[in-house]
Amino acid sequence: MVIKSSSRKITTLGYESCSTEMLPTGTVIMSSRAPIGHLAIAGVPLCTNQGCKSFIPGPSVNSQFLYWLLKWDLPALRKLGSGATFAEVSKSQLEQVRVVLPPLPEQKRLAALLNNRLATVERARIALQTQFNAAKALPAAFLRQAFPKPGEELGSAWSWVRLADKVEFLTAKSIASAGDTTVRAITTACLSECGFDAAGIKTASMWSHDISFCRCVSGEILVARSNTPDLVGRASIYLGYPEDIVATDLTIRIRTHDGYDPMFLSGFLSSLFVRGFWKQNSGGASGSMKKIGRKQVGCLSIPLPPLSEQKRLAARLNEQIAAAAKLRKSLEAQLAEIEAFPVALLRKAFGGGL
């Protein structure tokens, strides 16, 4: 790599692509094979492998400054990568890269400033990420708190009943690549503990004579019938939006009878999912894909409190989950803002604005 100083003097960094000799402390190391661009400064003497390019700063180059300079220039460096099997940046390509090198005192000043400011930013990012992770976990915590575990002793006004005695299982048809009609189909990505997510709907083909049997109606509960061990059994209630969507045979469709609130049942089924019930009780020959069936779901014991209590608990749970979703969205926006800050700061530093 060639570095151009502010005095127009050309300086070349000492360079090693793969060395059996020990590289000195302060060497800046970059991964040059996919994923290209991970950077580090050697804190002790070490050797590198063929997937790294190592830059040994000369006396006129500060290691910390070079690290941040490369960090700033990563988008351009990654574009240099080429290769049929995997992308790699070559020694000859890096040797052609030219950058502006200020005097050493200025390098040290900028490096110290960037170290301090970006360390503060990283602490703030970690704190926000911790809050975000906690907000993501809130719906599952609310569900565990709201509903009893299977077989748990209930209060005097509650009882355990067989799910099949309180619901009707609705028809679901499979999508078909040779189908004569295009439909918008529900996928497991639509089902979450925070409610039905329309972003998971996909376009698919289906036979027109099947559509009337599997068009979703407001108030029905959908359970993921077949998926990975971490997603099988995920449940959500469809509340009528968006309209004109269909459920495939990858979901189990449930409609409750009078006396059983669908929001309450959807919440209980979600509580089973977050407790890992289906991960432990699903079947299937493949370890990566698991299945549950209507008969298995119908045999579940579900809690039955008075209808007024069902509605009260469901309404409270919806409020809690909505509040958690609002908090999560706010923290997500703050994270996006803080994650964009390092790029802006590096742009300012290497544009002469600091």
Foldseek 3Di string as FASTA:
>chain_A
DWEAEPVRDIDDWDKDQFDPDWDAFLKWKWQFWVVGGDIDTHRHTDTDHNRIIITHGDPFDHSLLVRLVSVLCVVVSQVCFDDDVTTGHDPVNVRPDYYYHYGSVLSVVLSVVLVVVVVVLVVVLVVLVVVLVVLVCQLLVLLPVLFDDAPDDDDPQKDWDFQLVWKDWADAAAFDQPAPDKFWEADLVLFDSLAGDSVRTDITGHHPVCQVRFFDDALKKKFQFKFFLLRHQGIHGHHQPPHGHGYHPRIIIIHGDPFAHSLLVRSNSNNCSSVSVCSVVFDDPDNGMTGDDPVRSRRGIGMHGGPVVSVVSSVVSNVSSVVSVVVSVVSVVVSVVSVCVSNVSSCCSSVVND
